[in-house]
Amino acid sequence: MKIHSADFVGSATDSGQFVRDDLPQVAFAGRSNVGKSSLINKMLQRKALARTSSKPGRTRLVNYFLVNQRWYLVDLPGYGYAKAPKTEREAWGRLVESYLGSVRGPLILVLLVDAKISGTPLDAQAAEYFRSLDVRLVVAATKIDRLPRSKRARSVQEISALVHRRADEPVVPVSAQSGEGVDELWRALQPVLG
């Protein structure tokens, strides 16, 4: 996809601050430190549009980026950060649920799963939760460049099994560092972005 413009338009701490228009939205969700912000920067061809950190749990808000003046890329808070207080983790969950219920236009959710560890039970729970809300799902197997080529296909198969992938839900191996798989991920998003 050709990126002509990508602008940070704001963060939401509660449902009153969510973007409420009919533009399509691509939401990135995943475990803390799975590489959501890094992949957003790679896809939007910007080095620091989405703030990255080596410390997990830094994205605590719903962050909106307007792309090509036609659709939003949305960075959701990560799940599974054990060091965050339970009340804060529960608040993030409520914020994400409220966000998903607020989207008026077409929505596709990219669930990022760490290919190095072939996902976690939390990733499987997240996939089932998103499906229960009838959200269109694409799975991105992140950090694929950190695996030897001989182990990549197996990791993708394990992730597919873990999240109980449906036939219409692609699992795309991708790297925010090398850019590998970014074009394939864009293709998987085309049904919503046109």
N, C-alpha and C. Protein backbone atom coordinates (compact mmCIF):
# COMPACT_ATOMS: atom_id res chain seq x y z
N MET A 1 0.85 -1.19 0.00
CA MET A 1 0.00 0.00 0.00
C MET A 1 0.88 1.24 0.00
N LYS A 2 0.47 2.20 -0.74
CA LYS A 2 1.21 3.47 -0.81
C LYS A 2 0.72 4.38 0.32
N ILE A 3 1.65 4.82 1.15
CA ILE A 3 1.31 5.71 2.27
C ILE A 3 1.66 7.14 1.86
N HIS A 4 0.64 7.96 1.71
CA HIS A 4 0.84 9.36 1.35
C HIS A 4 0.90 10.23 2.60
N SER A 5 0.12 9.84 3.61
CA SER A 5 0.15 10.59 4.87
C SER A 5 -0.24 9.66 6.00
N ALA A 6 0.35 9.91 7.15
CA ALA A 6 0.02 9.17 8.37
C ALA A 6 0.24 10.11 9.53
N ASP A 7 -0.84 10.44 10.22
CA ASP A 7 -0.76 11.42 11.28
C ASP A 7 -1.39 10.89 12.56
N PHE A 8 -0.71 11.14 13.67
CA PHE A 8 -1.28 10.84 14.97
C PHE A 8 -2.40 11.84 15.21
N VAL A 9 -3.61 11.35 15.49
CA VAL A 9 -4.73 12.27 15.68
C VAL A 9 -5.22 12.33 17.12
N GLY A 10 -4.75 11.41 17.96
CA GLY A 10 -5.14 11.51 19.36
C GLY A 10 -5.17 10.17 20.07
N SER A 11 -5.28 10.29 21.40
CA SER A 11 -5.38 9.12 22.27
C SER A 11 -6.69 9.19 23.04
N ALA A 12 -7.21 8.02 23.36
CA ALA A 12 -8.45 7.95 24.14
C ALA A 12 -8.18 7.20 25.43
N THR A 13 -8.63 7.79 26.53
CA THR A 13 -8.54 7.13 27.83
C THR A 13 -9.88 6.56 28.24
N ASP A 14 -10.94 7.00 27.54
CA ASP A 14 -12.28 6.48 27.83
C ASP A 14 -13.15 6.61 26.59
N SER A 15 -14.33 6.03 26.64
CA SER A 15 -15.19 5.96 25.46
C SER A 15 -15.61 7.32 24.92
N GLY A 16 -15.62 8.33 25.74
CA GLY A 16 -15.99 9.66 25.29
C GLY A 16 -14.98 10.28 24.34
N GLN A 17 -13.79 9.69 24.28
CA GLN A 17 -12.74 10.24 23.42
C GLN A 17 -12.50 9.41 22.15
N PHE A 18 -13.26 8.34 21.95
CA PHE A 18 -13.08 7.52 20.76
C PHE A 18 -13.47 8.29 19.51
N VAL A 19 -12.78 7.99 18.41
CA VAL A 19 -13.15 8.55 17.11
C VAL A 19 -14.47 7.91 16.69
N ARG A 20 -15.42 8.75 16.31
CA ARG A 20 -16.75 8.24 15.96
C ARG A 20 -17.16 8.76 14.59
N ASP A 21 -16.55 8.19 13.57
CA ASP A 21 -16.99 8.49 12.21
C ASP A 21 -17.07 7.16 11.46
N ASP A 22 -17.34 7.23 10.18
CA ASP A 22 -17.58 6.01 9.41
C ASP A 22 -16.36 5.49 8.66
N LEU A 23 -15.18 6.08 8.90
CA LEU A 23 -13.99 5.61 8.20
C LEU A 23 -13.59 4.22 8.69
N PRO A 24 -13.03 3.39 7.81
CA PRO A 24 -12.56 2.07 8.24
C PRO A 24 -11.47 2.20 9.31
N GLN A 25 -11.39 1.16 10.15
CA GLN A 25 -10.36 1.13 11.18
C GLN A 25 -9.66 -0.22 11.17
N VAL A 26 -8.34 -0.17 11.29
CA VAL A 26 -7.51 -1.36 11.44
C VAL A 26 -6.91 -1.26 12.84
N ALA A 27 -7.31 -2.15 13.73
CA ALA A 27 -6.85 -2.10 15.12
C ALA A 27 -5.78 -3.16 15.34
N PHE A 28 -4.70 -2.77 16.01
CA PHE A 28 -3.62 -3.69 16.35
C PHE A 28 -3.75 -4.06 17.82
N ALA A 29 -3.85 -5.37 18.08
CA ALA A 29 -3.94 -5.87 19.45
C ALA A 29 -2.91 -6.98 19.63
N GLY A 30 -2.48 -7.15 20.86
CA GLY A 30 -1.53 -8.23 21.14
C GLY A 30 -0.98 -8.10 22.54
N ARG A 31 -0.25 -9.11 22.90
CA ARG A 31 0.38 -9.16 24.22
C ARG A 31 1.35 -7.98 24.35
N SER A 32 1.58 -7.54 25.57
CA SER A 32 2.55 -6.48 25.80
C SER A 32 3.91 -6.91 25.27
N ASN A 33 4.58 -6.00 24.60
CA ASN A 33 5.93 -6.20 24.07
C ASN A 33 5.99 -7.17 22.89
N VAL A 34 4.87 -7.33 22.17
CA VAL A 34 4.85 -8.21 20.99
C VAL A 34 5.30 -7.47 19.74
N GLY A 35 5.39 -6.13 19.82
CA GLY A 35 5.88 -5.35 18.70
C GLY A 35 4.82 -4.57 17.94
N LYS A 36 3.71 -4.23 18.61
CA LYS A 36 2.63 -3.50 17.93
C LYS A 36 3.12 -2.16 17.39
N SER A 37 3.71 -1.36 18.24
CA SER A 37 4.13 -0.02 17.82
C SER A 37 5.23 -0.08 16.77
N SER A 38 6.15 -1.02 16.90
CA SER A 38 7.22 -1.17 15.90
C SER A 38 6.65 -1.54 14.54
N LEU A 39 5.67 -2.45 14.52
CA LEU A 39 5.07 -2.86 13.26
C LEU A 39 4.26 -1.72 12.66
N ILE A 40 3.58 -0.96 13.48
CA ILE A 40 2.84 0.22 12.98
C ILE A 40 3.82 1.17 12.30
N ASN A 41 4.93 1.46 12.94
CA ASN A 41 5.92 2.36 12.34
C ASN A 41 6.44 1.83 11.01
N LYS A 42 6.71 0.53 10.94
CA LYS A 42 7.22 -0.07 9.70
C LYS A 42 6.16 0.03 8.60
N MET A 43 4.92 -0.32 8.93
CA MET A 43 3.86 -0.31 7.92
C MET A 43 3.57 1.09 7.41
N LEU A 44 3.66 2.07 8.31
CA LEU A 44 3.35 3.45 7.92
C LEU A 44 4.59 4.20 7.44
N GLN A 45 5.71 3.48 7.36
CA GLN A 45 6.97 4.02 6.84
C GLN A 45 7.45 5.24 7.62
N ARG A 46 7.31 5.14 8.93
CA ARG A 46 7.76 6.20 9.84
C ARG A 46 8.60 5.57 10.94
N LYS A 47 9.63 6.26 11.39
CA LYS A 47 10.49 5.69 12.41
C LYS A 47 9.91 5.79 13.81
N ALA A 48 9.19 6.86 14.10
CA ALA A 48 8.74 7.06 15.48
C ALA A 48 7.34 7.64 15.58
N LEU A 49 6.47 7.28 14.67
CA LEU A 49 5.09 7.76 14.74
C LEU A 49 4.40 7.18 15.96
N ALA A 50 4.47 5.87 16.09
CA ALA A 50 3.95 5.20 17.29
C ALA A 50 5.13 5.03 18.25
N ARG A 51 4.94 5.42 19.49
CA ARG A 51 6.04 5.34 20.46
C ARG A 51 6.34 3.90 20.82
N THR A 52 7.63 3.55 20.77
CA THR A 52 8.06 2.20 21.09
C THR A 52 8.87 2.23 22.39
N SER A 53 8.94 1.07 23.04
CA SER A 53 9.71 0.94 24.26
C SER A 53 10.15 -0.51 24.41
N SER A 54 11.30 -0.70 25.01
CA SER A 54 11.75 -2.07 25.29
C SER A 54 11.05 -2.61 26.53
N LYS A 55 10.40 -1.74 27.27
CA LYS A 55 9.66 -2.16 28.47
C LYS A 55 8.22 -2.46 28.10
N PRO A 56 7.71 -3.62 28.51
CA PRO A 56 6.32 -3.96 28.18
C PRO A 56 5.32 -3.07 28.90
N GLY A 57 4.12 -2.98 28.32
CA GLY A 57 3.03 -2.27 28.98
C GLY A 57 3.03 -0.77 28.80
N ARG A 58 3.76 -0.26 27.81
CA ARG A 58 3.84 1.19 27.63
C ARG A 58 2.61 1.78 26.94
N THR A 59 1.99 1.03 26.04
CA THR A 59 0.77 1.53 25.39
C THR A 59 -0.39 1.28 26.33
N ARG A 60 -0.93 2.36 26.89
CA ARG A 60 -2.00 2.24 27.87
C ARG A 60 -3.28 2.93 27.43
N LEU A 61 -3.23 3.49 26.24
CA LEU A 61 -4.36 4.23 25.69
C LEU A 61 -4.74 3.65 24.34
N VAL A 62 -5.86 4.07 23.81
CA VAL A 62 -6.24 3.75 22.43
C VAL A 62 -5.70 4.90 21.59
N ASN A 63 -4.70 4.60 20.74
CA ASN A 63 -4.04 5.63 19.94
C ASN A 63 -4.47 5.54 18.49
N TYR A 64 -4.89 6.68 17.92
CA TYR A 64 -5.41 6.74 16.56
C TYR A 64 -4.41 7.43 15.62
N PHE A 65 -4.23 6.80 14.44
CA PHE A 65 -3.41 7.37 13.38
C PHE A 65 -4.27 7.42 12.12
N LEU A 66 -4.41 8.59 11.53
CA LEU A 66 -5.18 8.74 10.31
C LEU A 66 -4.25 8.54 9.12
N VAL A 67 -4.59 7.58 8.26
CA VAL A 67 -3.72 7.19 7.16
C VAL A 67 -4.38 7.58 5.83
N ASN A 68 -3.62 8.31 5.03
CA ASN A 68 -4.07 8.74 3.70
C ASN A 68 -5.42 9.46 3.75
N GLN A 69 -5.75 10.02 4.89
CA GLN A 69 -7.02 10.74 5.07
C GLN A 69 -8.23 9.84 4.77
N ARG A 70 -8.02 8.48 4.79
CA ARG A 70 -9.09 7.56 4.38
C ARG A 70 -9.45 6.52 5.42
N TRP A 71 -8.53 6.23 6.37
CA TRP A 71 -8.81 5.20 7.36
C TRP A 71 -7.89 5.39 8.57
N TYR A 72 -8.26 4.73 9.66
CA TYR A 72 -7.48 4.82 10.90
C TYR A 72 -6.75 3.52 11.18
N LEU A 73 -5.51 3.66 11.62
CA LEU A 73 -4.81 2.54 12.22
C LEU A 73 -4.84 2.83 13.72
N VAL A 74 -5.26 1.84 14.52
CA VAL A 74 -5.49 2.06 15.94
C VAL A 74 -4.59 1.11 16.74
N ASP A 75 -3.80 1.70 17.63
CA ASP A 75 -2.89 0.95 18.50
C ASP A 75 -3.58 0.76 19.85
N LEU A 76 -3.93 -0.50 20.16
CA LEU A 76 -4.64 -0.81 21.40
C LEU A 76 -3.65 -1.17 22.51
N PRO A 77 -4.03 -0.99 23.78
CA PRO A 77 -3.15 -1.39 24.88
C PRO A 77 -2.87 -2.90 24.82
N GLY A 78 -1.66 -3.27 25.17
CA GLY A 78 -1.29 -4.69 25.20
C GLY A 78 -1.94 -5.40 26.36
N TYR A 79 -2.12 -6.70 26.21
CA TYR A 79 -2.69 -7.50 27.29
C TYR A 79 -1.60 -8.41 27.86
N GLY A 80 -1.83 -8.88 29.07
CA GLY A 80 -0.95 -9.87 29.67
C GLY A 80 0.28 -9.33 30.37
N TYR A 81 0.35 -8.01 30.61
CA TYR A 81 1.51 -7.48 31.32
C TYR A 81 1.33 -7.72 32.81
N ALA A 82 2.01 -8.74 33.32
CA ALA A 82 1.79 -9.22 34.68
C ALA A 82 2.18 -8.22 35.76
N LYS A 83 3.12 -7.32 35.46
CA LYS A 83 3.59 -6.39 36.49
C LYS A 83 2.65 -5.21 36.71
N ALA A 84 1.71 -5.02 35.80
CA ALA A 84 0.74 -3.94 35.99
C ALA A 84 -0.24 -4.37 37.08
N PRO A 85 -0.69 -3.43 37.90
CA PRO A 85 -1.69 -3.78 38.92
C PRO A 85 -2.95 -4.35 38.27
N LYS A 86 -3.60 -5.27 38.99
CA LYS A 86 -4.78 -5.94 38.46
C LYS A 86 -5.86 -4.94 38.04
N THR A 87 -6.06 -3.90 38.83
CA THR A 87 -7.08 -2.91 38.49
C THR A 87 -6.76 -2.21 37.17
N GLU A 88 -5.46 -1.96 36.92
CA GLU A 88 -5.06 -1.32 35.68
C GLU A 88 -5.26 -2.26 34.50
N ARG A 89 -4.92 -3.54 34.65
CA ARG A 89 -5.13 -4.52 33.59
C ARG A 89 -6.62 -4.65 33.27
N GLU A 90 -7.45 -4.66 34.30
CA GLU A 90 -8.90 -4.74 34.09
C GLU A 90 -9.42 -3.50 33.37
N ALA A 91 -8.88 -2.33 33.72
CA ALA A 91 -9.28 -1.09 33.05
C ALA A 91 -8.91 -1.12 31.58
N TRP A 92 -7.73 -1.65 31.24
CA TRP A 92 -7.33 -1.76 29.84
C TRP A 92 -8.30 -2.66 29.10
N GLY A 93 -8.69 -3.77 29.72
CA GLY A 93 -9.65 -4.69 29.10
C GLY A 93 -10.98 -4.01 28.82
N ARG A 94 -11.47 -3.24 29.78
CA ARG A 94 -12.74 -2.53 29.60
C ARG A 94 -12.61 -1.48 28.49
N LEU A 95 -11.44 -0.82 28.43
CA LEU A 95 -11.21 0.20 27.41
C LEU A 95 -11.24 -0.43 26.01
N VAL A 96 -10.58 -1.58 25.84
CA VAL A 96 -10.56 -2.25 24.54
C VAL A 96 -11.96 -2.73 24.16
N GLU A 97 -12.67 -3.32 25.10
CA GLU A 97 -14.04 -3.78 24.83
C GLU A 97 -14.94 -2.62 24.43
N SER A 98 -14.81 -1.51 25.14
CA SER A 98 -15.61 -0.34 24.82
C SER A 98 -15.24 0.20 23.43
N TYR A 99 -13.94 0.21 23.13
CA TYR A 99 -13.49 0.66 21.80
C TYR A 99 -14.14 -0.19 20.72
N LEU A 100 -14.04 -1.52 20.84
CA LEU A 100 -14.55 -2.41 19.81
C LEU A 100 -16.05 -2.22 19.60
N GLY A 101 -16.77 -1.89 20.66
CA GLY A 101 -18.21 -1.65 20.54
C GLY A 101 -18.55 -0.29 19.95
N SER A 102 -17.57 0.59 19.86
CA SER A 102 -17.84 1.95 19.41
C SER A 102 -17.60 2.18 17.92
N VAL A 103 -16.91 1.28 17.26
CA VAL A 103 -16.51 1.49 15.86
C VAL A 103 -17.74 1.45 14.96
N ARG A 104 -17.93 2.52 14.18
CA ARG A 104 -19.10 2.64 13.30
C ARG A 104 -18.82 2.13 11.89
N GLY A 105 -17.60 2.35 11.41
CA GLY A 105 -17.25 1.93 10.06
C GLY A 105 -16.71 0.51 10.05
N PRO A 106 -16.22 0.06 8.90
CA PRO A 106 -15.63 -1.28 8.81
C PRO A 106 -14.43 -1.41 9.76
N LEU A 107 -14.28 -2.59 10.34
CA LEU A 107 -13.19 -2.83 11.30
C LEU A 107 -12.54 -4.17 10.99
N ILE A 108 -11.22 -4.18 11.05
CA ILE A 108 -10.46 -5.42 11.01
C ILE A 108 -9.45 -5.35 12.15
N LEU A 109 -9.31 -6.45 12.85
CA LEU A 109 -8.39 -6.47 13.99
C LEU A 109 -7.20 -7.35 13.63
N VAL A 110 -6.00 -6.79 13.80
CA VAL A 110 -4.77 -7.54 13.59
C VAL A 110 -4.28 -7.99 14.96
N LEU A 111 -4.33 -9.29 15.19
CA LEU A 111 -3.86 -9.87 16.44
C LEU A 111 -2.40 -10.27 16.25
N LEU A 112 -1.51 -9.58 16.96
CA LEU A 112 -0.09 -9.86 16.85
C LEU A 112 0.31 -10.93 17.86
N VAL A 113 1.00 -11.95 17.36
CA VAL A 113 1.44 -13.07 18.18
C VAL A 113 2.93 -13.26 17.94
N ASP A 114 3.69 -13.42 19.00
CA ASP A 114 5.15 -13.56 18.92
C ASP A 114 5.52 -14.91 18.32
N ALA A 115 6.11 -14.90 17.12
CA ALA A 115 6.49 -16.14 16.45
C ALA A 115 7.62 -16.88 17.17
N LYS A 116 8.44 -16.15 17.92
CA LYS A 116 9.56 -16.80 18.62
C LYS A 116 9.07 -17.83 19.63
N ILE A 117 7.91 -17.56 20.22
CA ILE A 117 7.38 -18.48 21.23
C ILE A 117 6.09 -19.15 20.78
N SER A 118 5.72 -18.93 19.52
CA SER A 118 4.50 -19.51 18.93
C SER A 118 3.25 -19.20 19.73
N GLY A 119 3.23 -18.03 20.36
CA GLY A 119 2.04 -17.58 21.08
C GLY A 119 1.94 -18.12 22.49
N THR A 120 0.92 -17.65 23.20
CA THR A 120 0.66 -18.03 24.58
C THR A 120 -0.83 -18.33 24.73
N PRO A 121 -1.23 -18.95 25.84
CA PRO A 121 -2.67 -19.15 26.07
C PRO A 121 -3.45 -17.83 26.05
N LEU A 122 -2.82 -16.73 26.46
CA LEU A 122 -3.51 -15.43 26.42
C LEU A 122 -3.86 -15.04 24.98
N ASP A 123 -2.98 -15.39 24.03
CA ASP A 123 -3.27 -15.10 22.62
C ASP A 123 -4.48 -15.89 22.15
N ALA A 124 -4.56 -17.14 22.57
CA ALA A 124 -5.72 -17.97 22.20
C ALA A 124 -7.00 -17.40 22.80
N GLN A 125 -6.93 -16.96 24.05
CA GLN A 125 -8.10 -16.34 24.70
C GLN A 125 -8.50 -15.06 23.98
N ALA A 126 -7.51 -14.26 23.59
CA ALA A 126 -7.80 -13.01 22.90
C ALA A 126 -8.49 -13.28 21.57
N ALA A 127 -8.00 -14.26 20.82
CA ALA A 127 -8.62 -14.58 19.52
C ALA A 127 -10.08 -14.99 19.71
N GLU A 128 -10.34 -15.84 20.68
CA GLU A 128 -11.73 -16.27 20.93
C GLU A 128 -12.59 -15.09 21.38
N TYR A 129 -12.03 -14.23 22.21
CA TYR A 129 -12.78 -13.06 22.67
C TYR A 129 -13.15 -12.16 21.49
N PHE A 130 -12.19 -11.87 20.61
CA PHE A 130 -12.48 -11.00 19.47
C PHE A 130 -13.51 -11.65 18.54
N ARG A 131 -13.39 -12.95 18.35
CA ARG A 131 -14.39 -13.64 17.53
C ARG A 131 -15.78 -13.56 18.16
N SER A 132 -15.85 -13.62 19.49
CA SER A 132 -17.15 -13.56 20.16
C SER A 132 -17.84 -12.22 19.92
N LEU A 133 -17.06 -11.20 19.59
CA LEU A 133 -17.61 -9.88 19.28
C LEU A 133 -17.84 -9.71 17.78
N ASP A 134 -17.63 -10.81 17.02
CA ASP A 134 -17.84 -10.83 15.58
C ASP A 134 -16.93 -9.83 14.86
N VAL A 135 -15.67 -9.78 15.30
CA VAL A 135 -14.68 -8.90 14.70
C VAL A 135 -13.88 -9.69 13.67
N ARG A 136 -13.70 -9.12 12.48
CA ARG A 136 -12.87 -9.76 11.45
C ARG A 136 -11.42 -9.77 11.95
N LEU A 137 -10.75 -10.92 11.82
CA LEU A 137 -9.44 -11.13 12.43
C LEU A 137 -8.39 -11.51 11.39
N VAL A 138 -7.21 -10.89 11.53
CA VAL A 138 -6.00 -11.29 10.81
C VAL A 138 -4.95 -11.50 11.88
N VAL A 139 -4.20 -12.58 11.79
CA VAL A 139 -3.15 -12.86 12.78
C VAL A 139 -1.81 -12.55 12.15
N ALA A 140 -1.00 -11.75 12.84
CA ALA A 140 0.36 -11.43 12.40
C ALA A 140 1.34 -12.12 13.33
N ALA A 141 2.15 -13.03 12.76
CA ALA A 141 3.18 -13.73 13.53
C ALA A 141 4.43 -12.84 13.52
N THR A 142 4.60 -12.06 14.59
CA THR A 142 5.66 -11.05 14.63
C THR A 142 7.02 -11.65 14.96
N LYS A 143 8.04 -10.85 14.71
CA LYS A 143 9.44 -11.20 15.02
C LYS A 143 9.88 -12.46 14.27
N ILE A 144 9.30 -12.69 13.10
CA ILE A 144 9.61 -13.89 12.32
C ILE A 144 11.08 -13.92 11.93
N ASP A 145 11.70 -12.75 11.79
CA ASP A 145 13.11 -12.68 11.41
C ASP A 145 14.03 -13.25 12.48
N ARG A 146 13.54 -13.41 13.68
CA ARG A 146 14.36 -13.93 14.78
C ARG A 146 14.38 -15.46 14.83
N LEU A 147 13.64 -16.06 13.91
CA LEU A 147 13.64 -17.53 13.82
C LEU A 147 14.45 -17.96 12.60
N PRO A 148 15.15 -19.09 12.72
CA PRO A 148 15.80 -19.63 11.52
C PRO A 148 14.73 -19.99 10.49
N ARG A 149 15.04 -19.86 9.22
CA ARG A 149 14.06 -20.15 8.17
C ARG A 149 13.48 -21.55 8.31
N SER A 150 14.27 -22.48 8.81
CA SER A 150 13.81 -23.87 8.94
C SER A 150 12.72 -24.03 10.00
N LYS A 151 12.54 -23.04 10.88
CA LYS A 151 11.55 -23.15 11.96
C LYS A 151 10.34 -22.25 11.76
N ARG A 152 10.34 -21.45 10.73
CA ARG A 152 9.27 -20.46 10.54
C ARG A 152 7.92 -21.09 10.22
N ALA A 153 7.90 -22.02 9.29
CA ALA A 153 6.62 -22.65 8.90
C ALA A 153 6.00 -23.36 10.10
N ARG A 154 6.83 -24.01 10.88
CA ARG A 154 6.30 -24.71 12.06
C ARG A 154 5.71 -23.73 13.07
N SER A 155 6.38 -22.60 13.28
CA SER A 155 5.85 -21.59 14.20
C SER A 155 4.49 -21.07 13.71
N VAL A 156 4.37 -20.81 12.41
CA VAL A 156 3.10 -20.33 11.86
C VAL A 156 2.01 -21.39 12.05
N GLN A 157 2.35 -22.66 11.83
CA GLN A 157 1.38 -23.74 12.05
C GLN A 157 0.95 -23.82 13.51
N GLU A 158 1.91 -23.67 14.42
CA GLU A 158 1.59 -23.72 15.85
C GLU A 158 0.70 -22.55 16.26
N ILE A 159 0.97 -21.37 15.71
CA ILE A 159 0.14 -20.21 16.01
C ILE A 159 -1.26 -20.42 15.45
N SER A 160 -1.37 -20.94 14.23
CA SER A 160 -2.67 -21.23 13.63
C SER A 160 -3.48 -22.17 14.51
N ALA A 161 -2.83 -23.21 15.02
CA ALA A 161 -3.52 -24.16 15.90
C ALA A 161 -3.88 -23.51 17.23
N LEU A 162 -2.97 -22.73 17.78
CA LEU A 162 -3.20 -22.10 19.08
C LEU A 162 -4.42 -21.19 19.05
N VAL A 163 -4.55 -20.38 18.02
CA VAL A 163 -5.65 -19.41 17.95
C VAL A 163 -6.88 -20.00 17.26
N HIS A 164 -6.82 -21.29 16.94
CA HIS A 164 -7.94 -21.97 16.26
C HIS A 164 -8.36 -21.19 15.02
N ARG A 165 -7.36 -20.93 14.17
CA ARG A 165 -7.56 -20.11 12.97
C ARG A 165 -8.68 -20.68 12.11
N ARG A 166 -9.51 -19.76 11.65
CA ARG A 166 -10.57 -20.12 10.70
C ARG A 166 -10.05 -19.93 9.28
N ALA A 167 -10.72 -20.53 8.33
CA ALA A 167 -10.27 -20.48 6.94
C ALA A 167 -10.16 -19.06 6.41
N ASP A 168 -11.00 -18.14 6.89
CA ASP A 168 -10.98 -16.77 6.39
C ASP A 168 -10.07 -15.85 7.22
N GLU A 169 -9.25 -16.43 8.11
CA GLU A 169 -8.35 -15.65 8.96
C GLU A 169 -6.89 -15.98 8.61
N PRO A 170 -6.25 -15.14 7.81
CA PRO A 170 -4.87 -15.43 7.47
C PRO A 170 -3.93 -15.28 8.67
N VAL A 171 -2.87 -16.07 8.68
CA VAL A 171 -1.76 -15.90 9.62
C VAL A 171 -0.58 -15.45 8.77
N VAL A 172 -0.13 -14.22 9.00
CA VAL A 172 0.90 -13.61 8.17
C VAL A 172 2.19 -13.48 8.97
N PRO A 173 3.27 -14.19 8.58
CA PRO A 173 4.55 -14.00 9.25
C PRO A 173 5.12 -12.64 8.85
N VAL A 174 5.58 -11.87 9.85
CA VAL A 174 5.99 -10.49 9.57
C VAL A 174 7.13 -10.07 10.49
N SER A 175 7.93 -9.13 10.01
CA SER A 175 9.02 -8.58 10.81
C SER A 175 9.01 -7.06 10.73
N ALA A 176 8.95 -6.41 11.88
CA ALA A 176 9.03 -4.95 11.91
C ALA A 176 10.46 -4.48 11.65
N GLN A 177 11.43 -5.34 11.86
CA GLN A 177 12.83 -4.96 11.65
C GLN A 177 13.20 -5.02 10.17
N SER A 178 12.94 -6.14 9.52
CA SER A 178 13.37 -6.33 8.14
C SER A 178 12.30 -5.91 7.12
N GLY A 179 11.05 -5.83 7.56
CA GLY A 179 9.95 -5.52 6.64
C GLY A 179 9.38 -6.76 5.98
N GLU A 180 9.96 -7.92 6.27
CA GLU A 180 9.46 -9.17 5.70
C GLU A 180 7.99 -9.35 6.07
N GLY A 181 7.16 -9.67 5.09
CA GLY A 181 5.75 -9.95 5.32
C GLY A 181 4.85 -8.73 5.36
N VAL A 182 5.41 -7.53 5.32
CA VAL A 182 4.57 -6.32 5.40
C VAL A 182 3.63 -6.23 4.20
N ASP A 183 4.13 -6.51 3.00
CA ASP A 183 3.26 -6.47 1.81
C ASP A 183 2.12 -7.48 1.92
N GLU A 184 2.42 -8.66 2.44
CA GLU A 184 1.39 -9.69 2.61
C GLU A 184 0.35 -9.25 3.64
N LEU A 185 0.80 -8.57 4.69
CA LEU A 185 -0.14 -8.07 5.68
C LEU A 185 -1.05 -7.01 5.08
N TRP A 186 -0.48 -6.12 4.27
CA TRP A 186 -1.32 -5.13 3.58
C TRP A 186 -2.38 -5.82 2.73
N ARG A 187 -1.98 -6.87 2.01
CA ARG A 187 -2.95 -7.60 1.18
C ARG A 187 -4.08 -8.20 2.03
N ALA A 188 -3.73 -8.69 3.21
CA ALA A 188 -4.74 -9.28 4.09
C ALA A 188 -5.73 -8.24 4.59
N LEU A 189 -5.32 -6.96 4.61
CA LEU A 189 -6.18 -5.89 5.10
C LEU A 189 -7.06 -5.29 4.00
N GLN A 190 -6.79 -5.63 2.76
CA GLN A 190 -7.51 -5.05 1.63
C GLN A 190 -9.03 -5.19 1.68
N PRO A 191 -9.58 -6.30 2.21
CA PRO A 191 -11.04 -6.39 2.23
C PRO A 191 -11.72 -5.23 2.97
N VAL A 192 -11.04 -4.65 3.94
CA VAL A 192 -11.61 -3.52 4.68
C VAL A 192 -11.16 -2.19 4.09
N LEU A 193 -9.92 -2.14 3.64
CA LEU A 193 -9.38 -0.85 3.17
C LEU A 193 -9.70 -0.56 1.71
N GLY A 194 -10.03 -1.60 0.95
CA GLY A 194 -10.39 -1.40 -0.46
C GLY A 194 -9.24 -1.16 -1.37
